[in-house]
Amino acid sequence: MSVQIKIPASLRKFVANQDTVSVEGGDVRQALDALEDKHPGIKSKLCDDSGNVRRFINIYANAEDIRFLDNLDTRLGDGAELQIVPAIAGGWY
């Protein structure tokens, strides 16, 4: 299954400055593994040592948060879109 992964600006340096990377995968885990195969090192920015999505990273499959679906086992159809969104915190008024 062809999946488009939208990469946020803060992580583009790990994917040759691309804003979207096309990979193959039947679920989110496979898609992230394929992204890592194409761009070694990026998965460690997204997942912890146990392989789980880091707390400050949100991943959306077709605009739905995977944490409310089947997390990394969320199935993806052909042409699915994953969007990686780092959490934004801090600041001062």
N, C-alpha and C. Protein backbone atom coordinates (compact mmCIF):
# COMPACT_ATOMS: atom_id res chain seq x y z
N MET A 1 0.83 -1.18 0.00
CA MET A 1 0.00 0.00 0.00
C MET A 1 0.88 1.25 0.00
N SER A 2 0.61 2.14 -0.89
CA SER A 2 1.36 3.39 -0.96
C SER A 2 0.81 4.37 0.08
N VAL A 3 1.73 4.93 0.86
CA VAL A 3 1.37 5.86 1.94
C VAL A 3 2.20 7.12 1.79
N GLN A 4 1.56 8.26 1.94
CA GLN A 4 2.26 9.55 1.93
C GLN A 4 2.44 9.99 3.38
N ILE A 5 3.69 10.28 3.77
CA ILE A 5 3.95 10.75 5.12
C ILE A 5 4.35 12.21 5.04
N LYS A 6 3.55 13.06 5.69
CA LYS A 6 3.84 14.50 5.73
C LYS A 6 4.83 14.75 6.88
N ILE A 7 5.93 15.39 6.54
CA ILE A 7 7.01 15.61 7.49
C ILE A 7 6.99 17.07 7.96
N PRO A 8 7.00 17.31 9.26
CA PRO A 8 7.01 18.70 9.75
C PRO A 8 8.38 19.35 9.49
N ALA A 9 8.39 20.66 9.43
CA ALA A 9 9.63 21.40 9.14
C ALA A 9 10.77 21.02 10.07
N SER A 10 10.46 20.79 11.34
CA SER A 10 11.50 20.48 12.31
C SER A 10 12.19 19.14 12.08
N LEU A 11 11.59 18.26 11.29
CA LEU A 11 12.19 16.95 11.02
C LEU A 11 12.67 16.78 9.57
N ARG A 12 12.48 17.78 8.76
CA ARG A 12 12.83 17.65 7.34
C ARG A 12 14.32 17.45 7.09
N LYS A 13 15.16 17.91 8.01
CA LYS A 13 16.60 17.72 7.84
C LYS A 13 16.96 16.23 7.85
N PHE A 14 16.10 15.39 8.39
CA PHE A 14 16.35 13.95 8.43
C PHE A 14 15.85 13.23 7.18
N VAL A 15 15.13 13.95 6.30
CA VAL A 15 14.57 13.33 5.09
C VAL A 15 14.92 14.15 3.85
N ALA A 16 16.14 14.67 3.83
CA ALA A 16 16.65 15.44 2.68
C ALA A 16 15.74 16.63 2.35
N ASN A 17 15.22 17.27 3.38
CA ASN A 17 14.38 18.47 3.27
C ASN A 17 13.09 18.27 2.48
N GLN A 18 12.59 17.06 2.43
CA GLN A 18 11.32 16.80 1.76
C GLN A 18 10.16 17.09 2.73
N ASP A 19 9.07 17.60 2.20
CA ASP A 19 7.91 17.81 3.06
C ASP A 19 6.97 16.61 3.07
N THR A 20 7.11 15.74 2.08
CA THR A 20 6.32 14.51 2.01
C THR A 20 7.21 13.38 1.50
N VAL A 21 7.09 12.22 2.14
CA VAL A 21 7.85 11.04 1.73
C VAL A 21 6.85 9.93 1.41
N SER A 22 7.02 9.30 0.28
CA SER A 22 6.15 8.20 -0.14
C SER A 22 6.80 6.87 0.26
N VAL A 23 6.03 6.02 0.96
CA VAL A 23 6.53 4.71 1.40
C VAL A 23 5.45 3.66 1.15
N GLU A 24 5.81 2.43 1.38
CA GLU A 24 4.86 1.32 1.31
C GLU A 24 4.61 0.81 2.72
N GLY A 25 3.36 0.49 3.04
CA GLY A 25 3.06 -0.07 4.35
C GLY A 25 1.58 -0.32 4.51
N GLY A 26 1.25 -1.43 5.15
CA GLY A 26 -0.15 -1.78 5.38
C GLY A 26 -0.70 -1.24 6.69
N ASP A 27 0.22 -0.82 7.58
CA ASP A 27 -0.20 -0.19 8.83
C ASP A 27 0.84 0.87 9.20
N VAL A 28 0.57 1.61 10.26
CA VAL A 28 1.45 2.72 10.64
C VAL A 28 2.85 2.21 10.96
N ARG A 29 2.97 1.12 11.68
CA ARG A 29 4.27 0.55 12.03
C ARG A 29 5.10 0.25 10.78
N GLN A 30 4.49 -0.40 9.80
CA GLN A 30 5.20 -0.73 8.56
C GLN A 30 5.60 0.52 7.80
N ALA A 31 4.74 1.52 7.81
CA ALA A 31 5.05 2.77 7.12
C ALA A 31 6.23 3.48 7.78
N LEU A 32 6.26 3.50 9.12
CA LEU A 32 7.39 4.13 9.82
C LEU A 32 8.68 3.33 9.62
N ASP A 33 8.57 2.01 9.57
CA ASP A 33 9.75 1.18 9.28
C ASP A 33 10.28 1.47 7.88
N ALA A 34 9.37 1.63 6.93
CA ALA A 34 9.78 1.95 5.55
C ALA A 34 10.40 3.34 5.48
N LEU A 35 9.88 4.29 6.27
CA LEU A 35 10.46 5.62 6.33
C LEU A 35 11.88 5.53 6.88
N GLU A 36 12.08 4.72 7.91
CA GLU A 36 13.41 4.52 8.49
C GLU A 36 14.36 3.88 7.48
N ASP A 37 13.86 2.93 6.68
CA ASP A 37 14.69 2.30 5.65
C ASP A 37 15.19 3.33 4.64
N LYS A 38 14.31 4.25 4.27
CA LYS A 38 14.68 5.29 3.30
C LYS A 38 15.56 6.37 3.90
N HIS A 39 15.31 6.67 5.18
CA HIS A 39 16.00 7.79 5.85
C HIS A 39 16.43 7.34 7.25
N PRO A 40 17.52 6.57 7.31
CA PRO A 40 17.98 6.04 8.60
C PRO A 40 18.16 7.13 9.65
N GLY A 41 17.66 6.85 10.84
CA GLY A 41 17.79 7.76 11.97
C GLY A 41 16.53 8.52 12.32
N ILE A 42 15.60 8.62 11.39
CA ILE A 42 14.40 9.42 11.69
C ILE A 42 13.48 8.73 12.69
N LYS A 43 13.44 7.42 12.67
CA LYS A 43 12.50 6.72 13.55
C LYS A 43 12.84 6.96 15.03
N SER A 44 14.10 7.14 15.34
CA SER A 44 14.47 7.40 16.74
C SER A 44 13.95 8.76 17.20
N LYS A 45 13.64 9.64 16.28
CA LYS A 45 13.05 10.93 16.63
C LYS A 45 11.55 10.80 16.87
N LEU A 46 10.95 9.74 16.33
CA LEU A 46 9.51 9.54 16.43
C LEU A 46 9.11 8.53 17.50
N CYS A 47 9.96 7.52 17.70
CA CYS A 47 9.63 6.41 18.60
C CYS A 47 10.71 6.25 19.67
N ASP A 48 10.30 5.77 20.85
CA ASP A 48 11.25 5.54 21.93
C ASP A 48 11.95 4.19 21.73
N ASP A 49 12.79 3.81 22.69
CA ASP A 49 13.56 2.56 22.58
C ASP A 49 12.68 1.32 22.58
N SER A 50 11.46 1.43 23.09
CA SER A 50 10.51 0.31 23.08
C SER A 50 9.74 0.22 21.78
N GLY A 51 9.93 1.21 20.90
CA GLY A 51 9.21 1.21 19.63
C GLY A 51 7.89 1.94 19.66
N ASN A 52 7.54 2.52 20.80
CA ASN A 52 6.28 3.26 20.91
C ASN A 52 6.48 4.71 20.49
N VAL A 53 5.42 5.32 19.97
CA VAL A 53 5.48 6.72 19.56
C VAL A 53 5.78 7.57 20.79
N ARG A 54 6.75 8.47 20.65
CA ARG A 54 7.12 9.35 21.76
C ARG A 54 5.93 10.20 22.18
N ARG A 55 5.88 10.55 23.46
CA ARG A 55 4.74 11.30 24.01
C ARG A 55 4.54 12.64 23.32
N PHE A 56 5.61 13.27 22.90
CA PHE A 56 5.50 14.61 22.32
C PHE A 56 5.35 14.60 20.80
N ILE A 57 5.13 13.42 20.23
CA ILE A 57 4.89 13.28 18.80
C ILE A 57 3.46 12.79 18.60
N ASN A 58 2.73 13.44 17.75
CA ASN A 58 1.38 13.00 17.38
C ASN A 58 1.42 12.54 15.93
N ILE A 59 0.80 11.41 15.67
CA ILE A 59 0.72 10.90 14.30
C ILE A 59 -0.75 10.73 13.95
N TYR A 60 -1.12 11.29 12.81
CA TYR A 60 -2.49 11.22 12.33
C TYR A 60 -2.53 10.37 11.07
N ALA A 61 -3.47 9.44 11.02
CA ALA A 61 -3.71 8.62 9.83
C ALA A 61 -5.00 9.12 9.22
N ASN A 62 -4.90 9.70 8.04
CA ASN A 62 -6.08 10.27 7.38
C ASN A 62 -6.85 11.20 8.32
N ALA A 63 -6.10 12.08 8.98
CA ALA A 63 -6.63 13.13 9.86
C ALA A 63 -7.17 12.63 11.20
N GLU A 64 -6.93 11.36 11.56
CA GLU A 64 -7.37 10.84 12.85
C GLU A 64 -6.16 10.44 13.68
N ASP A 65 -6.13 10.87 14.93
CA ASP A 65 -5.03 10.56 15.83
C ASP A 65 -4.94 9.05 16.04
N ILE A 66 -3.77 8.46 15.75
CA ILE A 66 -3.64 7.00 15.86
C ILE A 66 -3.78 6.52 17.29
N ARG A 67 -3.60 7.41 18.28
CA ARG A 67 -3.76 7.01 19.69
C ARG A 67 -5.22 6.64 19.99
N PHE A 68 -6.14 7.14 19.19
CA PHE A 68 -7.56 6.84 19.38
C PHE A 68 -8.03 5.76 18.42
N LEU A 69 -7.10 5.23 17.64
CA LEU A 69 -7.41 4.12 16.72
C LEU A 69 -6.69 2.89 17.27
N ASP A 70 -5.88 2.25 16.46
CA ASP A 70 -5.11 1.08 16.91
C ASP A 70 -3.63 1.39 17.04
N ASN A 71 -3.32 2.66 17.32
CA ASN A 71 -1.95 3.13 17.50
C ASN A 71 -1.08 2.67 16.32
N LEU A 72 0.06 2.06 16.56
CA LEU A 72 0.96 1.67 15.47
C LEU A 72 0.37 0.57 14.59
N ASP A 73 -0.62 -0.14 15.09
CA ASP A 73 -1.26 -1.21 14.31
C ASP A 73 -2.43 -0.69 13.48
N THR A 74 -2.63 0.61 13.44
CA THR A 74 -3.70 1.19 12.63
C THR A 74 -3.48 0.85 11.17
N ARG A 75 -4.46 0.21 10.57
CA ARG A 75 -4.38 -0.21 9.17
C ARG A 75 -4.46 1.01 8.25
N LEU A 76 -3.72 0.91 7.16
CA LEU A 76 -3.70 1.99 6.16
C LEU A 76 -4.09 1.43 4.80
N GLY A 77 -4.97 2.12 4.13
CA GLY A 77 -5.33 1.74 2.77
C GLY A 77 -4.39 2.38 1.77
N ASP A 78 -4.47 1.94 0.54
CA ASP A 78 -3.65 2.51 -0.52
C ASP A 78 -3.97 4.00 -0.66
N GLY A 79 -2.94 4.81 -0.70
CA GLY A 79 -3.13 6.25 -0.82
C GLY A 79 -3.36 6.96 0.51
N ALA A 80 -3.19 6.24 1.60
CA ALA A 80 -3.38 6.84 2.93
C ALA A 80 -2.36 7.94 3.17
N GLU A 81 -2.70 8.82 4.09
CA GLU A 81 -1.80 9.91 4.45
C GLU A 81 -1.52 9.86 5.95
N LEU A 82 -0.25 9.89 6.29
CA LEU A 82 0.16 10.02 7.68
C LEU A 82 0.70 11.43 7.85
N GLN A 83 0.37 12.04 8.95
CA GLN A 83 0.90 13.36 9.24
C GLN A 83 1.57 13.29 10.61
N ILE A 84 2.83 13.71 10.66
CA ILE A 84 3.59 13.74 11.91
C ILE A 84 3.52 15.17 12.44
N VAL A 85 3.07 15.30 13.71
CA VAL A 85 2.92 16.61 14.30
C VAL A 85 3.59 16.63 15.67
N PRO A 86 4.74 17.29 15.78
CA PRO A 86 5.36 17.41 17.11
C PRO A 86 4.52 18.32 17.99
N ALA A 87 4.41 17.96 19.27
CA ALA A 87 3.67 18.79 20.21
C ALA A 87 4.45 20.07 20.45
N ILE A 88 3.73 21.14 20.64
CA ILE A 88 4.34 22.43 20.89
C ILE A 88 4.00 22.82 22.33
N ALA A 89 5.03 23.15 23.10
CA ALA A 89 4.80 23.51 24.50
C ALA A 89 5.70 24.69 24.88
N GLY A 90 5.38 25.25 25.99
CA GLY A 90 6.20 26.35 26.50
C GLY A 90 5.68 27.68 26.04
N GLY A 91 6.49 28.66 26.24
CA GLY A 91 6.10 30.00 25.84
C GLY A 91 5.81 30.86 27.05
N TRP A 92 5.62 32.09 26.79
CA TRP A 92 5.40 33.06 27.85
C TRP A 92 4.60 34.20 27.27
N TYR A 93 3.61 34.64 27.95
CA TYR A 93 2.80 35.76 27.47
C TYR A 93 3.49 37.05 27.76
